[in-house]
C-alpha atoms as a PDB file:
ATOM      1  CA  MET A   1      31.332 -14.140 -33.912  1.00  0.00           C
ATOM      2  CA  VAL A   2      32.462 -13.149 -30.437  1.00  0.00           C
ATOM      3  CA  LYS A   3      31.731  -9.495 -31.172  1.00  0.00           C
ATOM      4  CA  ARG A   4      28.233 -10.378 -32.364  1.00  0.00           C
ATOM      5  CA  PHE A   5      27.631 -12.432 -29.222  1.00  0.00           C
ATOM      6  CA  ARG A   6      28.724  -9.486 -27.057  1.00  0.00           C
ATOM      7  CA  GLU A   7      26.319  -7.166 -28.856  1.00  0.00           C
ATOM      8  CA  ILE A   8      23.425  -9.588 -28.375  1.00  0.00           C
ATOM      9  CA  PHE A   9      24.364 -10.087 -24.728  1.00  0.00           C
ATOM     10  CA  GLN A  10      24.469  -6.337 -24.089  1.00  0.00           C
ATOM     11  CA  GLN A  11      21.128  -5.809 -25.787  1.00  0.00           C
ATOM     12  CA  GLU A  12      19.456  -8.647 -23.895  1.00  0.00           C
ATOM     13  CA  LEU A  13      21.245  -8.020 -20.588  1.00  0.00           C
ATOM     14  CA  PRO A  14      18.001  -7.218 -18.684  1.00  0.00           C
ATOM     15  CA  PHE A  15      16.567 -10.545 -19.845  1.00  0.00           C
ATOM     16  CA  PHE A  16      19.623 -12.530 -18.692  1.00  0.00           C
ATOM     17  CA  ILE A  17      19.563 -10.757 -15.331  1.00  0.00           C
ATOM     18  CA  GLY A  18      15.903 -11.663 -14.880  1.00  0.00           C
ATOM     19  CA  VAL A  19      16.313 -15.343 -15.838  1.00  0.00           C
ATOM     20  CA  PRO A  20      17.285 -16.550 -12.319  1.00  0.00           C
ATOM     21  CA  ALA A  21      14.241 -14.824 -10.822  1.00  0.00           C
ATOM     22  CA  LEU A  22      12.027 -16.347 -13.519  1.00  0.00           C
ATOM     23  CA  VAL A  23      13.429 -19.832 -12.907  1.00  0.00           C
ATOM     24  CA  TRP A  24      12.947 -19.388  -9.156  1.00  0.00           C
ATOM     25  CA  GLN A  25       9.332 -18.327  -9.657  1.00  0.00           C
ATOM     26  CA  VAL A  26       8.596 -21.266 -11.937  1.00  0.00           C
ATOM     27  CA  LEU A  27      10.196 -23.834  -9.617  1.00  0.00           C
ATOM     28  CA  PHE A  28       8.782 -22.575  -6.335  1.00  0.00           C
ATOM     29  CA  LEU A  29       5.438 -21.080  -7.385  1.00  0.00           C
ATOM     30  CA  TYR A  30       4.016 -22.503 -10.606  1.00  0.00           C
ATOM     31  CA  VAL A  31       5.312 -26.056 -10.181  1.00  0.00           C
ATOM     32  CA  PRO A  32       3.886 -26.403  -6.621  1.00  0.00           C
ATOM     33  CA  ILE A  33       0.561 -24.945  -7.777  1.00  0.00           C
ATOM     34  CA  CYS A  34       0.385 -27.426 -10.640  1.00  0.00           C
ATOM     35  CA  TYR A  35       1.292 -30.225  -8.247  1.00  0.00           C
ATOM     36  CA  LEU A  36      -1.516 -29.213  -5.867  1.00  0.00           C
ATOM     37  CA  VAL A  37      -4.017 -29.151  -8.718  1.00  0.00           C
ATOM     38  CA  PHE A  38      -2.792 -32.581  -9.810  1.00  0.00           C
ATOM     39  CA  LEU A  39      -3.234 -34.007  -6.306  1.00  0.00           C
ATOM     40  CA  SER A  40      -6.717 -32.522  -5.995  1.00  0.00           C
ATOM     41  CA  VAL A  41      -8.073 -34.239  -9.110  1.00  0.00           C
ATOM     42  CA  THR A  42      -6.389 -37.629  -8.802  1.00  0.00           C
ATOM     43  CA  LYS A  43      -6.689 -40.693  -6.614  1.00  0.00           C
ATOM     44  CA  VAL A  44      -4.292 -43.575  -6.200  1.00  0.00           C
ATOM     45  CA  ASP A  45      -5.526 -47.138  -5.756  1.00  0.00           C
ATOM     46  CA  VAL A  46      -4.477 -50.633  -6.734  1.00  0.00           C
ATOM     47  CA  ASP A  47      -5.382 -49.915 -10.343  1.00  0.00           C
ATOM     48  CA  GLY A  48      -3.066 -46.894 -10.488  1.00  0.00           C
ATOM     49  CA  VAL A  49      -3.748 -43.170 -10.763  1.00  0.00           C
ATOM     50  CA  ALA A  50      -7.257 -42.114 -11.761  1.00  0.00           C
ATOM     51  CA  PHE A  51      -8.933 -38.768 -12.434  1.00  0.00           C
ATOM     52  CA  THR A  52     -11.674 -37.715  -9.995  1.00  0.00           C
ATOM     53  CA  LEU A  53     -13.603 -34.654  -8.844  1.00  0.00           C
ATOM     54  CA  GLY A  54     -15.258 -36.446  -5.970  1.00  0.00           C
ATOM     55  CA  ARG A  55     -13.257 -34.670  -3.280  1.00  0.00           C
ATOM     56  CA  TYR A  56     -14.555 -31.281  -4.423  1.00  0.00           C
ATOM     57  CA  ALA A  57     -18.138 -32.477  -3.933  1.00  0.00           C
ATOM     58  CA  GLU A  58     -17.310 -33.513  -0.361  1.00  0.00           C
ATOM     59  CA  PHE A  59     -16.421 -29.943   0.586  1.00  0.00           C
ATOM     60  CA  PHE A  60     -19.810 -28.543  -0.445  1.00  0.00           C
ATOM     61  CA  GLN A  61     -21.176 -29.393   2.977  1.00  0.00           C
ATOM     62  CA  VAL A  62     -22.325 -27.066   5.740  1.00  0.00           C
ATOM     63  CA  PRO A  63     -19.251 -27.431   8.030  1.00  0.00           C
ATOM     64  CA  TYR A  64     -16.784 -26.662   5.221  1.00  0.00           C
ATOM     65  CA  LEU A  65     -18.926 -23.858   3.846  1.00  0.00           C
ATOM     66  CA  ARG A  66     -18.932 -22.321   7.319  1.00  0.00           C
ATOM     67  CA  VAL A  67     -15.142 -22.434   7.361  1.00  0.00           C
ATOM     68  CA  LEU A  68     -14.994 -20.650   4.001  1.00  0.00           C
ATOM     69  CA  LEU A  69     -17.551 -18.061   5.087  1.00  0.00           C
ATOM     70  CA  ARG A  70     -15.765 -17.475   8.397  1.00  0.00           C
ATOM     71  CA  SER A  71     -12.486 -16.899   6.580  1.00  0.00           C
ATOM     72  CA  LEU A  72     -14.142 -14.519   4.119  1.00  0.00           C
ATOM     73  CA  ILE A  73     -15.633 -12.520   6.986  1.00  0.00           C
ATOM     74  CA  LEU A  74     -12.269 -12.406   8.764  1.00  0.00           C
ATOM     75  CA  ALA A  75     -10.382 -11.345   5.630  1.00  0.00           C
ATOM     76  CA  THR A  76     -12.944  -8.740   4.573  1.00  0.00           C
ATOM     77  CA  GLY A  77     -13.313  -7.314   8.057  1.00  0.00           C
ATOM     78  CA  ASN A  78      -9.570  -7.130   8.615  1.00  0.00           C
ATOM     79  CA  ALA A  79      -9.040  -5.448   5.238  1.00  0.00           C
ATOM     80  CA  VAL A  80     -11.767  -2.885   5.943  1.00  0.00           C
ATOM     81  CA  LEU A  81     -10.343  -2.161   9.394  1.00  0.00           C
ATOM     82  CA  CYS A  82      -6.787  -1.802   8.084  1.00  0.00           C
ATOM     83  CA  VAL A  83      -7.863   0.572   5.311  1.00  0.00           C
ATOM     84  CA  SER A  84     -10.106   2.584   7.646  1.00  0.00           C
ATOM     85  CA  VAL A  85      -7.414   2.949  10.296  1.00  0.00           C
ATOM     86  CA  GLY A  86      -4.543   3.257   7.844  1.00  0.00           C
ATOM     87  CA  TYR A  87      -6.003   5.925   5.548  1.00  0.00           C
ATOM     88  CA  PRO A  88      -5.790   8.792   8.086  1.00  0.00           C
ATOM     89  CA  ILE A  89      -2.256   7.710   8.968  1.00  0.00           C
ATOM     90  CA  ALA A  90      -1.209   7.575   5.315  1.00  0.00           C
ATOM     91  CA  TYR A  91      -2.855  10.944   4.655  1.00  0.00           C
ATOM     92  CA  TYR A  92      -1.056  12.553   7.576  1.00  0.00           C
ATOM     93  CA  LEU A  93       2.304  11.100   6.557  1.00  0.00           C
ATOM     94  CA  ALA A  94       1.930  12.140   2.923  1.00  0.00           C
ATOM     95  CA  VAL A  95       0.213  15.524   3.211  1.00  0.00           C
ATOM     96  CA  ARG A  96       0.402  16.894   6.742  1.00  0.00           C
ATOM     97  CA  ALA A  97       3.632  15.581   8.246  1.00  0.00           C
ATOM     98  CA  HIS A  98       6.681  17.827   8.271  1.00  0.00           C
ATOM     99  CA  ALA A  99       9.496  16.800   5.956  1.00  0.00           C
ATOM    100  CA  ARG A 100      11.917  16.359   8.868  1.00  0.00           C
ATOM    101  CA  SER A 101       9.631  14.081  10.866  1.00  0.00           C
ATOM    102  CA  LYS A 102       8.337  12.097   7.866  1.00  0.00           C
ATOM    103  CA  SER A 103      11.447   9.893   7.639  1.00  0.00           C
ATOM    104  CA  LEU A 104      11.275   9.084  11.342  1.00  0.00           C
ATOM    105  CA  LEU A 105       7.565   8.257  11.167  1.00  0.00           C
ATOM    106  CA  LEU A 106       8.084   6.026   8.140  1.00  0.00           C
ATOM    107  CA  MET A 107      10.894   4.209   9.932  1.00  0.00           C
ATOM    108  CA  LEU A 108       8.609   3.615  12.939  1.00  0.00           C
ATOM    109  CA  LEU A 109       5.943   2.329  10.558  1.00  0.00           C
ATOM    110  CA  MET A 110       8.341  -0.149   8.978  1.00  0.00           C
ATOM    111  CA  LEU A 111       9.884  -1.178  12.304  1.00  0.00           C
ATOM    112  CA  PRO A 112       7.593  -4.222  12.809  1.00  0.00           C
ATOM    113  CA  PHE A 113       8.970  -5.732   9.585  1.00  0.00           C
ATOM    114  CA  TRP A 114      12.378  -5.950  11.270  1.00  0.00           C
ATOM    115  CA  THR A 115      10.923  -8.412  13.778  1.00  0.00           C
ATOM    116  CA  ASN A 116       9.929 -11.994  13.130  1.00  0.00           C
ATOM    117  CA  PHE A 117       6.200 -12.467  12.573  1.00  0.00           C
ATOM    118  CA  LEU A 118       5.886 -15.082  15.318  1.00  0.00           C
ATOM    119  CA  VAL A 119       7.694 -12.810  17.767  1.00  0.00           C
ATOM    120  CA  GLN A 120       5.145 -10.070  17.067  1.00  0.00           C
ATOM    121  CA  VAL A 121       2.262 -12.462  17.730  1.00  0.00           C
ATOM    122  CA  TYR A 122       3.762 -13.873  20.919  1.00  0.00           C
ATOM    123  CA  ALA A 123       4.474 -10.343  22.173  1.00  0.00           C
ATOM    124  CA  TRP A 124       0.730  -9.764  22.361  1.00  0.00           C
ATOM    125  CA  PHE A 125       0.466 -12.640  24.840  1.00  0.00           C
ATOM    126  CA  PHE A 126       2.171 -10.438  27.441  1.00  0.00           C
ATOM    127  CA  VAL A 127      -0.464  -7.780  26.749  1.00  0.00           C
ATOM    128  CA  PHE A 128      -3.623  -9.895  26.717  1.00  0.00           C
ATOM    129  CA  GLU A 129      -2.984 -12.640  29.272  1.00  0.00           C
ATOM    130  CA  ARG A 130      -4.712 -12.461  32.652  1.00  0.00           C
ATOM    131  CA  GLN A 131      -1.655 -11.027  34.407  1.00  0.00           C
ATOM    132  CA  GLY A 132      -0.562  -9.121  31.342  1.00  0.00           C
ATOM    133  CA  LEU A 133       0.062  -5.451  30.737  1.00  0.00           C
ATOM    134  CA  LEU A 134      -3.498  -4.517  29.799  1.00  0.00           C
ATOM    135  CA  ASN A 135      -5.184  -6.136  32.797  1.00  0.00           C
ATOM    136  CA  THR A 136      -2.519  -4.845  35.167  1.00  0.00           C
ATOM    137  CA  VAL A 137      -2.956  -1.244  34.031  1.00  0.00           C
ATOM    138  CA  LEU A 138      -6.765  -1.382  34.056  1.00  0.00           C
ATOM    139  CA  MET A 139      -6.869  -2.941  37.527  1.00  0.00           C
ATOM    140  CA  ARG A 140      -4.407  -0.443  39.003  1.00  0.00           C
ATOM    141  CA  LEU A 141      -6.512   2.383  37.582  1.00  0.00           C
ATOM    142  CA  HIS A 142      -9.536   0.702  39.196  1.00  0.00           C
ATOM    143  CA  ILE A 143     -11.355   0.550  35.868  1.00  0.00           C
ATOM    144  CA  ILE A 144     -11.963  -3.190  36.239  1.00  0.00           C
ATOM    145  CA  GLN A 145     -12.135  -5.415  39.319  1.00  0.00           C
ATOM    146  CA  GLU A 146     -11.280  -8.742  37.664  1.00  0.00           C
ATOM    147  CA  PRO A 147      -8.931  -9.561  34.772  1.00  0.00           C
ATOM    148  CA  LEU A 148     -10.457  -9.531  31.317  1.00  0.00           C
ATOM    149  CA  TYR A 149     -10.449 -12.707  29.236  1.00  0.00           C
ATOM    150  CA  ILE A 150      -9.107 -11.462  25.901  1.00  0.00           C
ATOM    151  CA  LEU A 151      -6.545 -14.064  24.929  1.00  0.00           C
ATOM    152  CA  ASN A 152      -7.907 -17.088  23.045  1.00  0.00           C
ATOM    153  CA  THR A 153     -10.923 -15.099  21.882  1.00  0.00           C
ATOM    154  CA  THR A 154     -12.106 -13.742  18.544  1.00  0.00           C
ATOM    155  CA  LEU A 155     -11.354 -10.203  19.756  1.00  0.00           C
ATOM    156  CA  ALA A 156      -7.688 -11.096  20.206  1.00  0.00           C
ATOM    157  CA  ILE A 157      -7.552 -12.449  16.648  1.00  0.00           C
ATOM    158  CA  TRP A 158      -8.999  -9.232  15.207  1.00  0.00           C
ATOM    159  CA  ILE A 159      -6.695  -6.942  17.202  1.00  0.00           C
ATOM    160  CA  ILE A 160      -3.510  -8.851  16.389  1.00  0.00           C
ATOM    161  CA  MET A 161      -4.395  -9.194  12.709  1.00  0.00           C
ATOM    162  CA  LEU A 162      -5.083  -5.464  12.535  1.00  0.00           C
ATOM    163  CA  TYR A 163      -1.687  -4.760  14.061  1.00  0.00           C
ATOM    164  CA  CYS A 164       0.228  -7.198  11.847  1.00  0.00           C
ATOM    165  CA  TYR A 165      -1.405  -6.253   8.534  1.00  0.00           C
ATOM    166  CA  LEU A 166      -1.831  -2.501   9.034  1.00  0.00           C
ATOM    167  CA  PRO A 167       1.498  -1.519   7.368  1.00  0.00           C
ATOM    168  CA  PHE A 168       0.493  -3.442   4.236  1.00  0.00           C
ATOM    169  CA  ALA A 169      -2.524  -1.166   3.887  1.00  0.00           C
ATOM    170  CA  ILE A 170      -0.749   2.078   4.783  1.00  0.00           C
ATOM    171  CA  MET A 171       2.177   1.924   2.385  1.00  0.00           C
ATOM    172  CA  PRO A 172       0.224   1.734  -0.940  1.00  0.00           C
ATOM    173  CA  MET A 173      -2.079   4.534   0.177  1.00  0.00           C
ATOM    174  CA  TYR A 174       0.889   6.616   1.288  1.00  0.00           C
ATOM    175  CA  ALA A 175       2.601   6.087  -2.073  1.00  0.00           C
ATOM    176  CA  ILE A 176      -0.459   7.466  -3.896  1.00  0.00           C
ATOM    177  CA  LEU A 177      -1.196  10.314  -1.491  1.00  0.00           C
ATOM    178  CA  GLU A 178       2.419  11.468  -1.529  1.00  0.00           C
ATOM    179  CA  LYS A 179       1.999  12.361  -5.213  1.00  0.00           C
ATOM    180  CA  PHE A 180      -1.238  14.195  -4.475  1.00  0.00           C
ATOM    181  CA  ASP A 181      -1.383  17.824  -5.644  1.00  0.00           C
ATOM    182  CA  VAL A 182      -2.352  19.850  -2.565  1.00  0.00           C
ATOM    183  CA  ARG A 183      -3.361  22.753  -4.790  1.00  0.00           C
ATOM    184  CA  LEU A 184      -6.487  20.794  -5.728  1.00  0.00           C
ATOM    185  CA  LEU A 185      -7.620  20.977  -2.126  1.00  0.00           C
ATOM    186  CA  GLU A 186      -6.978  24.701  -1.994  1.00  0.00           C
ATOM    187  CA  ALA A 187      -8.928  25.205  -5.207  1.00  0.00           C
ATOM    188  CA  SER A 188     -11.822  23.178  -3.819  1.00  0.00           C
ATOM    189  CA  TYR A 189     -11.944  25.277  -0.655  1.00  0.00           C
ATOM    190  CA  ASP A 190     -11.737  28.492  -2.674  1.00  0.00           C
ATOM    191  CA  LEU A 191     -14.752  27.376  -4.723  1.00  0.00           C
ATOM    192  CA  GLY A 192     -16.799  26.954  -1.553  1.00  0.00           C
ATOM    193  CA  ALA A 193     -16.626  23.188  -1.031  1.00  0.00           C
ATOM    194  CA  ARG A 194     -16.708  21.890   2.515  1.00  0.00           C
ATOM    195  CA  ALA A 195     -14.107  19.556   3.969  1.00  0.00           C
ATOM    196  CA  TRP A 196     -16.223  16.411   3.566  1.00  0.00           C
ATOM    197  CA  GLN A 197     -17.165  17.387  -0.012  1.00  0.00           C
ATOM    198  CA  THR A 198     -13.518  17.909  -0.887  1.00  0.00           C
ATOM    199  CA  PHE A 199     -12.642  14.531   0.584  1.00  0.00           C
ATOM    200  CA  LEU A 200     -15.410  12.639  -1.229  1.00  0.00           C
ATOM    201  CA  ARG A 201     -15.068  14.438  -4.578  1.00  0.00           C
ATOM    202  CA  ILE A 202     -11.308  14.925  -4.840  1.00  0.00           C
ATOM    203  CA  THR A 203      -9.121  13.210  -2.242  1.00  0.00           C
ATOM    204  CA  LEU A 204     -10.819   9.812  -2.080  1.00  0.00           C
ATOM    205  CA  PRO A 205     -11.361   9.254  -5.842  1.00  0.00           C
ATOM    206  CA  LEU A 206      -7.783  10.276  -6.689  1.00  0.00           C
ATOM    207  CA  SER A 207      -6.356   7.990  -4.003  1.00  0.00           C
ATOM    208  CA  MET A 208      -8.692   5.057  -4.650  1.00  0.00           C
ATOM    209  CA  SER A 209      -6.055   3.062  -6.513  1.00  0.00           C
ATOM    210  CA  GLY A 210      -3.928   3.029  -3.358  1.00  0.00           C
ATOM    211  CA  VAL A 211      -6.962   2.120  -1.254  1.00  0.00           C
ATOM    212  CA  MET A 212      -7.770  -0.841  -3.499  1.00  0.00           C
ATOM    213  CA  THR A 213      -4.155  -2.004  -3.519  1.00  0.00           C
ATOM    214  CA  GLY A 214      -3.925  -1.804   0.266  1.00  0.00           C
ATOM    215  CA  PHE A 215      -7.275  -3.550   0.652  1.00  0.00           C
ATOM    216  CA  PHE A 216      -6.290  -6.564  -1.439  1.00  0.00           C
ATOM    217  CA  LEU A 217      -2.769  -6.725   0.027  1.00  0.00           C
ATOM    218  CA  VAL A 218      -4.497  -7.341   3.353  1.00  0.00           C
ATOM    219  CA  PHE A 219      -7.518  -9.300   2.139  1.00  0.00           C
ATOM    220  CA  ILE A 220      -5.652 -12.029   0.228  1.00  0.00           C
ATOM    221  CA  PRO A 221      -3.192 -13.171   2.942  1.00  0.00           C
ATOM    222  CA  SER A 222      -5.817 -12.713   5.685  1.00  0.00           C
ATOM    223  CA  PHE A 223      -8.051 -15.264   3.972  1.00  0.00           C
ATOM    224  CA  GLY A 224      -5.455 -18.012   4.429  1.00  0.00           C
ATOM    225  CA  GLU A 225      -4.116 -16.885   7.817  1.00  0.00           C
ATOM    226  CA  PHE A 226      -3.661 -19.729  10.304  1.00  0.00           C
ATOM    227  CA  VAL A 227      -0.860 -18.630  12.647  1.00  0.00           C
ATOM    228  CA  ILE A 228      -2.768 -15.849  14.430  1.00  0.00           C
ATOM    229  CA  PRO A 229      -6.072 -17.792  14.804  1.00  0.00           C
ATOM    230  CA  GLY A 230      -4.120 -20.795  16.034  1.00  0.00           C
ATOM    231  CA  LEU A 231      -2.017 -18.946  18.608  1.00  0.00           C
ATOM    232  CA  ALA A 232      -4.173 -15.994  19.675  1.00  0.00           C
ATOM    233  CA  GLY A 233      -7.508 -17.720  19.156  1.00  0.00           C
ATOM    234  CA  GLY A 234      -6.530 -20.991  20.786  1.00  0.00           C
ATOM    235  CA  ASP A 235      -7.645 -22.956  17.713  1.00  0.00           C
ATOM    236  CA  LYS A 236     -11.238 -22.667  18.914  1.00  0.00           C
ATOM    237  CA  GLN A 237     -12.482 -21.783  15.444  1.00  0.00           C
ATOM    238  CA  MET A 238     -11.432 -23.384  12.197  1.00  0.00           C
ATOM    239  CA  PHE A 239     -10.425 -21.181   9.259  1.00  0.00           C
ATOM    240  CA  VAL A 240      -9.254 -22.017   5.750  1.00  0.00           C
ATOM    241  CA  GLY A 241      -5.577 -21.832   6.662  1.00  0.00           C
ATOM    242  CA  SER A 242      -6.154 -23.840   9.835  1.00  0.00           C
ATOM    243  CA  LEU A 243      -7.989 -26.595   7.956  1.00  0.00           C
ATOM    244  CA  ILE A 244      -5.359 -26.798   5.221  1.00  0.00           C
ATOM    245  CA  SER A 245      -2.525 -27.012   7.752  1.00  0.00           C
ATOM    246  CA  HIS A 246      -4.472 -29.696   9.630  1.00  0.00           C
ATOM    247  CA  TYR A 247      -4.798 -31.885   6.537  1.00  0.00           C
ATOM    248  CA  PHE A 248      -1.169 -31.457   5.474  1.00  0.00           C
ATOM    249  CA  LEU A 249       0.676 -31.365   8.807  1.00  0.00           C
ATOM    250  CA  THR A 250      -1.548 -33.280  11.251  1.00  0.00           C
ATOM    251  CA  ALA A 251      -3.724 -35.692   9.306  1.00  0.00           C
ATOM    252  CA  GLY A 252      -1.126 -36.324   6.602  1.00  0.00           C
ATOM    253  CA  ASP A 253      -3.844 -36.323   3.929  1.00  0.00           C
ATOM    254  CA  GLU A 254      -2.180 -34.350   1.151  1.00  0.00           C
ATOM    255  CA  TYR A 255      -4.885 -35.156  -1.401  1.00  0.00           C
ATOM    256  CA  THR A 256      -7.696 -33.692   0.695  1.00  0.00           C
ATOM    257  CA  GLY A 257      -5.472 -30.788   1.725  1.00  0.00           C
ATOM    258  CA  ALA A 258      -4.656 -30.018  -1.895  1.00  0.00           C
ATOM    259  CA  THR A 259      -8.345 -30.175  -2.837  1.00  0.00           C
ATOM    260  CA  PHE A 260      -9.365 -27.726  -0.134  1.00  0.00           C
ATOM    261  CA  THR A 261      -6.437 -25.465  -1.050  1.00  0.00           C
ATOM    262  CA  CYS A 262      -7.606 -25.275  -4.663  1.00  0.00           C
ATOM    263  CA  LEU A 263     -11.221 -24.784  -3.581  1.00  0.00           C
ATOM    264  CA  GLY A 264     -10.175 -22.000  -1.197  1.00  0.00           C
ATOM    265  CA  ALA A 265      -8.166 -20.341  -3.973  1.00  0.00           C
ATOM    266  CA  LEU A 266     -11.215 -20.409  -6.261  1.00  0.00           C
ATOM    267  CA  VAL A 267     -13.410 -18.882  -3.548  1.00  0.00           C
ATOM    268  CA  LEU A 268     -10.764 -16.248  -2.822  1.00  0.00           C
ATOM    269  CA  ALA A 269     -10.414 -15.310  -6.493  1.00  0.00           C
ATOM    270  CA  THR A 270     -14.194 -15.082  -6.905  1.00  0.00           C
ATOM    271  CA  ALA A 271     -14.558 -12.938  -3.793  1.00  0.00           C
ATOM    272  CA  ALA A 272     -11.667 -10.679  -4.831  1.00  0.00           C
ATOM    273  CA  LEU A 273     -13.108 -10.093  -8.300  1.00  0.00           C
ATOM    274  CA  THR A 274     -16.551  -9.413  -6.819  1.00  0.00           C
ATOM    275  CA  LEU A 275     -15.174  -6.930  -4.298  1.00  0.00           C
ATOM    276  CA  ARG A 276     -13.110  -5.228  -6.979  1.00  0.00           C
ATOM    277  CA  TYR A 277     -16.185  -4.842  -9.180  1.00  0.00           C
ATOM    278  CA  CYS A 278     -18.196  -3.402  -6.282  1.00  0.00           C
ATOM    279  CA  MET A 279     -15.428  -0.949  -5.434  1.00  0.00           C
ATOM    280  CA  ASN A 280     -15.204   0.201  -9.057  1.00  0.00           C
ATOM    281  CA  VAL A 281     -18.970   0.805  -9.094  1.00  0.00           C
ATOM    282  CA  MET A 282     -18.667   2.846  -5.895  1.00  0.00           C
ATOM    283  CA  ILE A 283     -15.860   4.936  -7.367  1.00  0.00           C
ATOM    284  CA  LYS A 284     -17.913   5.737 -10.461  1.00  0.00           C
ATOM    285  CA  ARG A 285     -20.885   6.785  -8.334  1.00  0.00           C
ATOM    286  CA  VAL A 286     -18.702   9.026  -6.168  1.00  0.00           C
ATOM    287  CA  ARG A 287     -17.222  10.702  -9.223  1.00  0.00           C
END
């Protein structure tokens, strides 16, 4: 009996090792999600708990729709910027960089992850404030006469979000481009293709899986971002994450907060599927 148990345990060892992670995921991901859905469709009164979808109808108003649209624009724009800026960096690291310098460059790329996220955001305050680094340098070079007002603006939000989320876009693209066969480029050039034709016909289609992964790794968390808009933007504009944190942490209305969280998740999923479909259509046309 003991011998049989040992054989079963050895055969199913990967399963037993993964059980704690599975339990953790169920307790701290699926259970909270189910609880949020439960709060969003229930109301408590003197008669007890009742099922309702009335809160969802309340959010289909112009102010809330503007918040959703503003968050979609922020997430999409940040994802596009991160992919656009990160693709040349990933390409250089994977294809052009020397083997000796590649490790150092990758370490510098991952260095921001060694620092707390809030510390990274607050560090930009010393750059953007009126007496900060940027204004000091520009004024000493006589490029500007008065300090620029960058902090607590939309521009500050975009710049800091680009900085914070850029590594998330670079790493998936680097992982794909590192496996890229450089001989395909040489063959394309030998057959008379120009640099832009080689990029559009060979490099970009073969690396599109990394581009899509990097895009959605940035797009999804950017949609619910509330720390950067709150600190760098001065809470002048309301986003999805800002509104959810307001309902839960400030107003103490967990039912409304849960409803808007579920509604935001539905909008995010719809937008992500739509963008993925559009990107697949673009890939097929390029090929």
